[in-house]
Amino acid sequence: MKPTNLKLTTKQIAHLRGKAHDLNPVVMIGNNGLTDNVLKEIELNLNAHELIKVQVAGDDRDARKAIFNDIATKTNALAVHHIGKQLVFYRPSDTVKESAKIVIPR
């Protein structure tokens, strides 16, 4: 896994949030929390899509915040947005810029 030192402007993050609005969650985190299998699934989807939405079960807001930060740290992804039980992450693929799935405006 290659470290991503993403420094995006607020305008670029807003662009990613807008793109994520219509996405359906690709990973659901249940009562067992952030397991190794869940992390593998998140990695797989980040590699495939770059921008993903994750759904977290449970009503504990602090636990969701902790999961949000853990995912960003462990997958080396940018934590784009956290609203309610929906978490959004972005990690550019390691491929050439011309074949990037998500184009971020400058």
N, C-alpha and C. Protein backbone atom coordinates (compact mmCIF):
# COMPACT_ATOMS: atom_id res chain seq x y z
N MET A 1 0.84 -1.18 0.00
CA MET A 1 0.00 0.00 0.00
C MET A 1 0.88 1.24 0.00
N LYS A 2 0.67 2.10 -0.96
CA LYS A 2 1.44 3.32 -1.12
C LYS A 2 0.81 4.45 -0.32
N PRO A 3 1.58 5.19 0.48
CA PRO A 3 0.98 6.27 1.26
C PRO A 3 0.46 7.38 0.36
N THR A 4 -0.70 7.89 0.70
CA THR A 4 -1.25 9.02 -0.04
C THR A 4 -1.19 10.25 0.84
N ASN A 5 -0.47 11.23 0.39
CA ASN A 5 -0.39 12.49 1.12
C ASN A 5 -1.30 13.49 0.42
N LEU A 6 -2.59 13.24 0.51
CA LEU A 6 -3.55 14.08 -0.17
C LEU A 6 -3.78 15.37 0.60
N LYS A 7 -3.59 16.45 -0.07
CA LYS A 7 -3.91 17.76 0.48
C LYS A 7 -4.87 18.39 -0.52
N LEU A 8 -6.15 18.33 -0.20
CA LEU A 8 -7.15 18.88 -1.11
C LEU A 8 -7.73 20.16 -0.52
N THR A 9 -8.13 21.05 -1.41
CA THR A 9 -8.78 22.28 -0.97
C THR A 9 -10.23 21.96 -0.58
N THR A 10 -10.86 22.90 0.08
CA THR A 10 -12.26 22.70 0.46
C THR A 10 -13.15 22.57 -0.78
N LYS A 11 -12.78 23.26 -1.83
CA LYS A 11 -13.54 23.17 -3.09
C LYS A 11 -13.42 21.77 -3.69
N GLN A 12 -12.23 21.19 -3.63
CA GLN A 12 -12.02 19.84 -4.16
C GLN A 12 -12.76 18.81 -3.31
N ILE A 13 -12.76 18.99 -2.00
CA ILE A 13 -13.48 18.07 -1.12
C ILE A 13 -14.98 18.19 -1.38
N ALA A 14 -15.46 19.41 -1.59
CA ALA A 14 -16.87 19.61 -1.91
C ALA A 14 -17.23 18.90 -3.22
N HIS A 15 -16.31 18.93 -4.17
CA HIS A 15 -16.52 18.22 -5.45
C HIS A 15 -16.69 16.72 -5.20
N LEU A 16 -15.81 16.15 -4.36
CA LEU A 16 -15.90 14.72 -4.03
C LEU A 16 -17.19 14.40 -3.28
N ARG A 17 -17.59 15.27 -2.38
CA ARG A 17 -18.85 15.07 -1.65
C ARG A 17 -20.02 15.05 -2.61
N GLY A 18 -20.00 15.94 -3.59
CA GLY A 18 -21.06 15.98 -4.60
C GLY A 18 -21.11 14.71 -5.42
N LYS A 19 -19.95 14.21 -5.80
CA LYS A 19 -19.89 12.95 -6.56
C LYS A 19 -20.39 11.78 -5.73
N ALA A 20 -20.12 11.82 -4.43
CA ALA A 20 -20.49 10.71 -3.54
C ALA A 20 -21.98 10.71 -3.21
N HIS A 21 -22.64 11.84 -3.43
CA HIS A 21 -24.04 11.96 -3.05
C HIS A 21 -24.92 10.86 -3.65
N ASP A 22 -24.70 10.54 -4.91
CA ASP A 22 -25.53 9.55 -5.60
C ASP A 22 -25.04 8.11 -5.44
N LEU A 23 -23.93 7.92 -4.74
CA LEU A 23 -23.40 6.57 -4.56
C LEU A 23 -24.22 5.80 -3.53
N ASN A 24 -24.29 4.50 -3.74
CA ASN A 24 -24.86 3.61 -2.74
C ASN A 24 -23.71 3.04 -1.91
N PRO A 25 -23.95 2.74 -0.64
CA PRO A 25 -22.89 2.15 0.17
C PRO A 25 -22.42 0.82 -0.42
N VAL A 26 -21.11 0.64 -0.51
CA VAL A 26 -20.55 -0.60 -1.05
C VAL A 26 -20.12 -1.55 0.07
N VAL A 27 -19.98 -1.01 1.28
CA VAL A 27 -19.59 -1.81 2.43
C VAL A 27 -20.50 -1.44 3.59
N MET A 28 -20.98 -2.47 4.29
CA MET A 28 -21.80 -2.25 5.49
C MET A 28 -21.02 -2.76 6.70
N ILE A 29 -20.91 -1.93 7.73
CA ILE A 29 -20.23 -2.34 8.95
C ILE A 29 -21.31 -2.64 9.98
N GLY A 30 -21.33 -3.89 10.44
CA GLY A 30 -22.35 -4.34 11.37
C GLY A 30 -21.92 -4.20 12.82
N ASN A 31 -22.56 -4.99 13.66
CA ASN A 31 -22.33 -4.91 15.11
C ASN A 31 -20.93 -5.38 15.52
N ASN A 32 -20.25 -6.14 14.66
CA ASN A 32 -18.90 -6.61 14.98
C ASN A 32 -17.85 -5.52 14.78
N GLY A 33 -18.25 -4.41 14.20
CA GLY A 33 -17.32 -3.29 14.01
C GLY A 33 -16.38 -3.47 12.84
N LEU A 34 -15.25 -2.85 12.94
CA LEU A 34 -14.27 -2.82 11.86
C LEU A 34 -13.35 -4.04 11.95
N THR A 35 -13.77 -5.12 11.33
CA THR A 35 -12.98 -6.36 11.35
C THR A 35 -11.99 -6.37 10.19
N ASP A 36 -11.09 -7.35 10.19
CA ASP A 36 -10.12 -7.48 9.09
C ASP A 36 -10.83 -7.72 7.77
N ASN A 37 -11.90 -8.51 7.79
CA ASN A 37 -12.63 -8.78 6.55
C ASN A 37 -13.29 -7.52 6.01
N VAL A 38 -13.81 -6.69 6.89
CA VAL A 38 -14.42 -5.43 6.46
C VAL A 38 -13.35 -4.52 5.85
N LEU A 39 -12.18 -4.46 6.48
CA LEU A 39 -11.08 -3.64 5.93
C LEU A 39 -10.64 -4.14 4.55
N LYS A 40 -10.60 -5.46 4.38
CA LYS A 40 -10.24 -6.02 3.08
C LYS A 40 -11.25 -5.61 2.02
N GLU A 41 -12.53 -5.64 2.39
CA GLU A 41 -13.59 -5.26 1.45
C GLU A 41 -13.50 -3.78 1.10
N ILE A 42 -13.18 -2.95 2.09
CA ILE A 42 -13.01 -1.52 1.83
C ILE A 42 -11.82 -1.29 0.90
N GLU A 43 -10.71 -1.98 1.16
CA GLU A 43 -9.53 -1.87 0.29
C GLU A 43 -9.88 -2.25 -1.15
N LEU A 44 -10.57 -3.36 -1.29
CA LEU A 44 -10.97 -3.85 -2.61
C LEU A 44 -11.79 -2.80 -3.35
N ASN A 45 -12.75 -2.22 -2.66
CA ASN A 45 -13.62 -1.22 -3.29
C ASN A 45 -12.91 0.10 -3.55
N LEU A 46 -11.99 0.50 -2.68
CA LEU A 46 -11.21 1.71 -2.96
C LEU A 46 -10.36 1.52 -4.21
N ASN A 47 -9.77 0.33 -4.36
CA ASN A 47 -8.96 0.05 -5.55
C ASN A 47 -9.81 0.06 -6.81
N ALA A 48 -11.04 -0.42 -6.69
CA ALA A 48 -11.91 -0.52 -7.86
C ALA A 48 -12.58 0.81 -8.21
N HIS A 49 -12.96 1.59 -7.21
CA HIS A 49 -13.80 2.77 -7.47
C HIS A 49 -13.18 4.11 -7.10
N GLU A 50 -12.18 4.13 -6.27
CA GLU A 50 -11.53 5.33 -5.75
C GLU A 50 -12.38 6.10 -4.74
N LEU A 51 -13.65 6.29 -5.02
CA LEU A 51 -14.55 7.03 -4.12
C LEU A 51 -15.65 6.07 -3.69
N ILE A 52 -15.76 5.84 -2.37
CA ILE A 52 -16.75 4.88 -1.89
C ILE A 52 -17.53 5.44 -0.71
N LYS A 53 -18.70 4.85 -0.51
CA LYS A 53 -19.54 5.18 0.64
C LYS A 53 -19.67 3.93 1.48
N VAL A 54 -19.55 4.10 2.81
CA VAL A 54 -19.64 3.00 3.76
C VAL A 54 -20.79 3.29 4.72
N GLN A 55 -21.59 2.28 4.99
CA GLN A 55 -22.71 2.40 5.93
C GLN A 55 -22.33 1.75 7.26
N VAL A 56 -22.58 2.44 8.37
CA VAL A 56 -22.25 1.91 9.69
C VAL A 56 -23.54 1.69 10.48
N ALA A 57 -23.69 0.48 11.02
CA ALA A 57 -24.85 0.18 11.87
C ALA A 57 -24.59 0.69 13.27
N GLY A 58 -25.64 0.86 14.02
CA GLY A 58 -25.49 1.29 15.42
C GLY A 58 -25.76 2.76 15.59
N ASP A 59 -26.12 3.12 16.81
CA ASP A 59 -26.50 4.50 17.10
C ASP A 59 -25.45 5.28 17.87
N ASP A 60 -24.30 4.68 18.13
CA ASP A 60 -23.25 5.33 18.91
C ASP A 60 -22.43 6.25 18.01
N ARG A 61 -22.67 7.54 18.14
CA ARG A 61 -22.01 8.53 17.28
C ARG A 61 -20.49 8.51 17.47
N ASP A 62 -20.04 8.40 18.71
CA ASP A 62 -18.59 8.38 18.98
C ASP A 62 -17.93 7.16 18.36
N ALA A 63 -18.62 6.03 18.38
CA ALA A 63 -18.08 4.81 17.75
C ALA A 63 -17.97 5.01 16.25
N ARG A 64 -18.96 5.67 15.64
CA ARG A 64 -18.90 5.92 14.19
C ARG A 64 -17.75 6.85 13.86
N LYS A 65 -17.51 7.86 14.69
CA LYS A 65 -16.39 8.78 14.46
C LYS A 65 -15.06 8.02 14.55
N ALA A 66 -14.96 7.12 15.52
CA ALA A 66 -13.74 6.32 15.68
C ALA A 66 -13.53 5.42 14.47
N ILE A 67 -14.60 4.80 13.99
CA ILE A 67 -14.52 3.94 12.80
C ILE A 67 -14.11 4.77 11.59
N PHE A 68 -14.68 5.96 11.45
CA PHE A 68 -14.36 6.87 10.35
C PHE A 68 -12.86 7.16 10.32
N ASN A 69 -12.31 7.51 11.47
CA ASN A 69 -10.87 7.81 11.55
C ASN A 69 -10.01 6.57 11.36
N ASP A 70 -10.45 5.44 11.91
CA ASP A 70 -9.69 4.19 11.76
C ASP A 70 -9.60 3.77 10.30
N ILE A 71 -10.71 3.84 9.59
CA ILE A 71 -10.70 3.45 8.17
C ILE A 71 -9.75 4.33 7.39
N ALA A 72 -9.82 5.63 7.62
CA ALA A 72 -8.95 6.56 6.90
C ALA A 72 -7.48 6.25 7.17
N THR A 73 -7.16 5.96 8.42
CA THR A 73 -5.77 5.67 8.79
C THR A 73 -5.30 4.33 8.23
N LYS A 74 -6.11 3.30 8.43
CA LYS A 74 -5.69 1.95 8.05
C LYS A 74 -5.68 1.72 6.54
N THR A 75 -6.50 2.45 5.79
CA THR A 75 -6.53 2.26 4.33
C THR A 75 -5.76 3.35 3.61
N ASN A 76 -5.27 4.33 4.37
CA ASN A 76 -4.53 5.44 3.77
C ASN A 76 -5.40 6.22 2.79
N ALA A 77 -6.67 6.36 3.12
CA ALA A 77 -7.61 7.07 2.26
C ALA A 77 -7.95 8.42 2.89
N LEU A 78 -8.46 9.30 2.07
CA LEU A 78 -8.91 10.60 2.54
C LEU A 78 -10.33 10.47 3.07
N ALA A 79 -10.53 10.86 4.32
CA ALA A 79 -11.87 10.85 4.91
C ALA A 79 -12.59 12.08 4.39
N VAL A 80 -13.50 11.87 3.44
CA VAL A 80 -14.15 12.98 2.75
C VAL A 80 -15.32 13.54 3.55
N HIS A 81 -16.18 12.64 4.06
CA HIS A 81 -17.42 13.11 4.65
C HIS A 81 -17.99 12.09 5.62
N HIS A 82 -18.59 12.59 6.69
CA HIS A 82 -19.26 11.73 7.66
C HIS A 82 -20.57 12.42 8.03
N ILE A 83 -21.67 11.84 7.59
CA ILE A 83 -22.96 12.39 7.97
C ILE A 83 -23.86 11.24 8.38
N GLY A 84 -24.31 11.28 9.61
CA GLY A 84 -25.14 10.20 10.12
C GLY A 84 -24.37 8.89 10.12
N LYS A 85 -24.95 7.89 9.47
CA LYS A 85 -24.33 6.57 9.41
C LYS A 85 -23.59 6.33 8.10
N GLN A 86 -23.45 7.38 7.30
CA GLN A 86 -22.77 7.29 6.00
C GLN A 86 -21.37 7.89 6.10
N LEU A 87 -20.39 7.13 5.65
CA LEU A 87 -19.00 7.59 5.63
C LEU A 87 -18.52 7.56 4.18
N VAL A 88 -17.78 8.58 3.78
CA VAL A 88 -17.27 8.65 2.40
C VAL A 88 -15.75 8.75 2.44
N PHE A 89 -15.11 7.92 1.60
CA PHE A 89 -13.65 7.89 1.52
C PHE A 89 -13.20 7.99 0.08
N TYR A 90 -12.03 8.60 -0.11
CA TYR A 90 -11.44 8.71 -1.44
C TYR A 90 -9.97 8.34 -1.36
N ARG A 91 -9.55 7.53 -2.31
CA ARG A 91 -8.13 7.21 -2.47
C ARG A 91 -7.88 7.02 -3.95
N PRO A 92 -7.02 7.87 -4.53
CA PRO A 92 -6.74 7.72 -5.96
C PRO A 92 -6.04 6.39 -6.23
N SER A 93 -6.31 5.83 -7.37
CA SER A 93 -5.66 4.57 -7.72
C SER A 93 -4.20 4.84 -8.06
N ASP A 94 -3.41 3.79 -8.07
CA ASP A 94 -1.98 3.92 -8.36
C ASP A 94 -1.69 4.02 -9.84
N THR A 95 -2.74 4.03 -10.65
CA THR A 95 -2.54 4.05 -12.11
C THR A 95 -2.21 5.46 -12.58
N VAL A 96 -1.96 5.57 -13.85
CA VAL A 96 -1.60 6.83 -14.47
C VAL A 96 -2.78 7.81 -14.38
N LYS A 97 -2.47 9.09 -14.29
CA LYS A 97 -3.51 10.11 -14.12
C LYS A 97 -4.56 10.09 -15.23
N GLU A 98 -4.17 9.75 -16.46
CA GLU A 98 -5.13 9.76 -17.56
C GLU A 98 -6.23 8.71 -17.37
N SER A 99 -5.92 7.65 -16.64
CA SER A 99 -6.91 6.60 -16.45
C SER A 99 -7.59 6.68 -15.09
N ALA A 100 -7.41 7.80 -14.40
CA ALA A 100 -8.06 7.97 -13.10
C ALA A 100 -9.58 7.95 -13.26
N LYS A 101 -10.25 7.30 -12.33
CA LYS A 101 -11.70 7.19 -12.40
C LYS A 101 -12.38 8.49 -11.98
N ILE A 102 -11.79 9.17 -11.03
CA ILE A 102 -12.34 10.42 -10.52
C ILE A 102 -11.36 11.54 -10.87
N VAL A 103 -11.83 12.56 -11.57
CA VAL A 103 -10.99 13.69 -11.92
C VAL A 103 -11.35 14.84 -10.97
N ILE A 104 -10.36 15.28 -10.23
CA ILE A 104 -10.57 16.35 -9.26
C ILE A 104 -10.14 17.68 -9.90
N PRO A 105 -11.03 18.68 -9.88
CA PRO A 105 -10.65 19.97 -10.46
C PRO A 105 -9.53 20.63 -9.66
N ARG A 106 -8.75 21.44 -10.32
CA ARG A 106 -7.62 22.11 -9.65
C ARG A 106 -8.05 23.29 -8.86
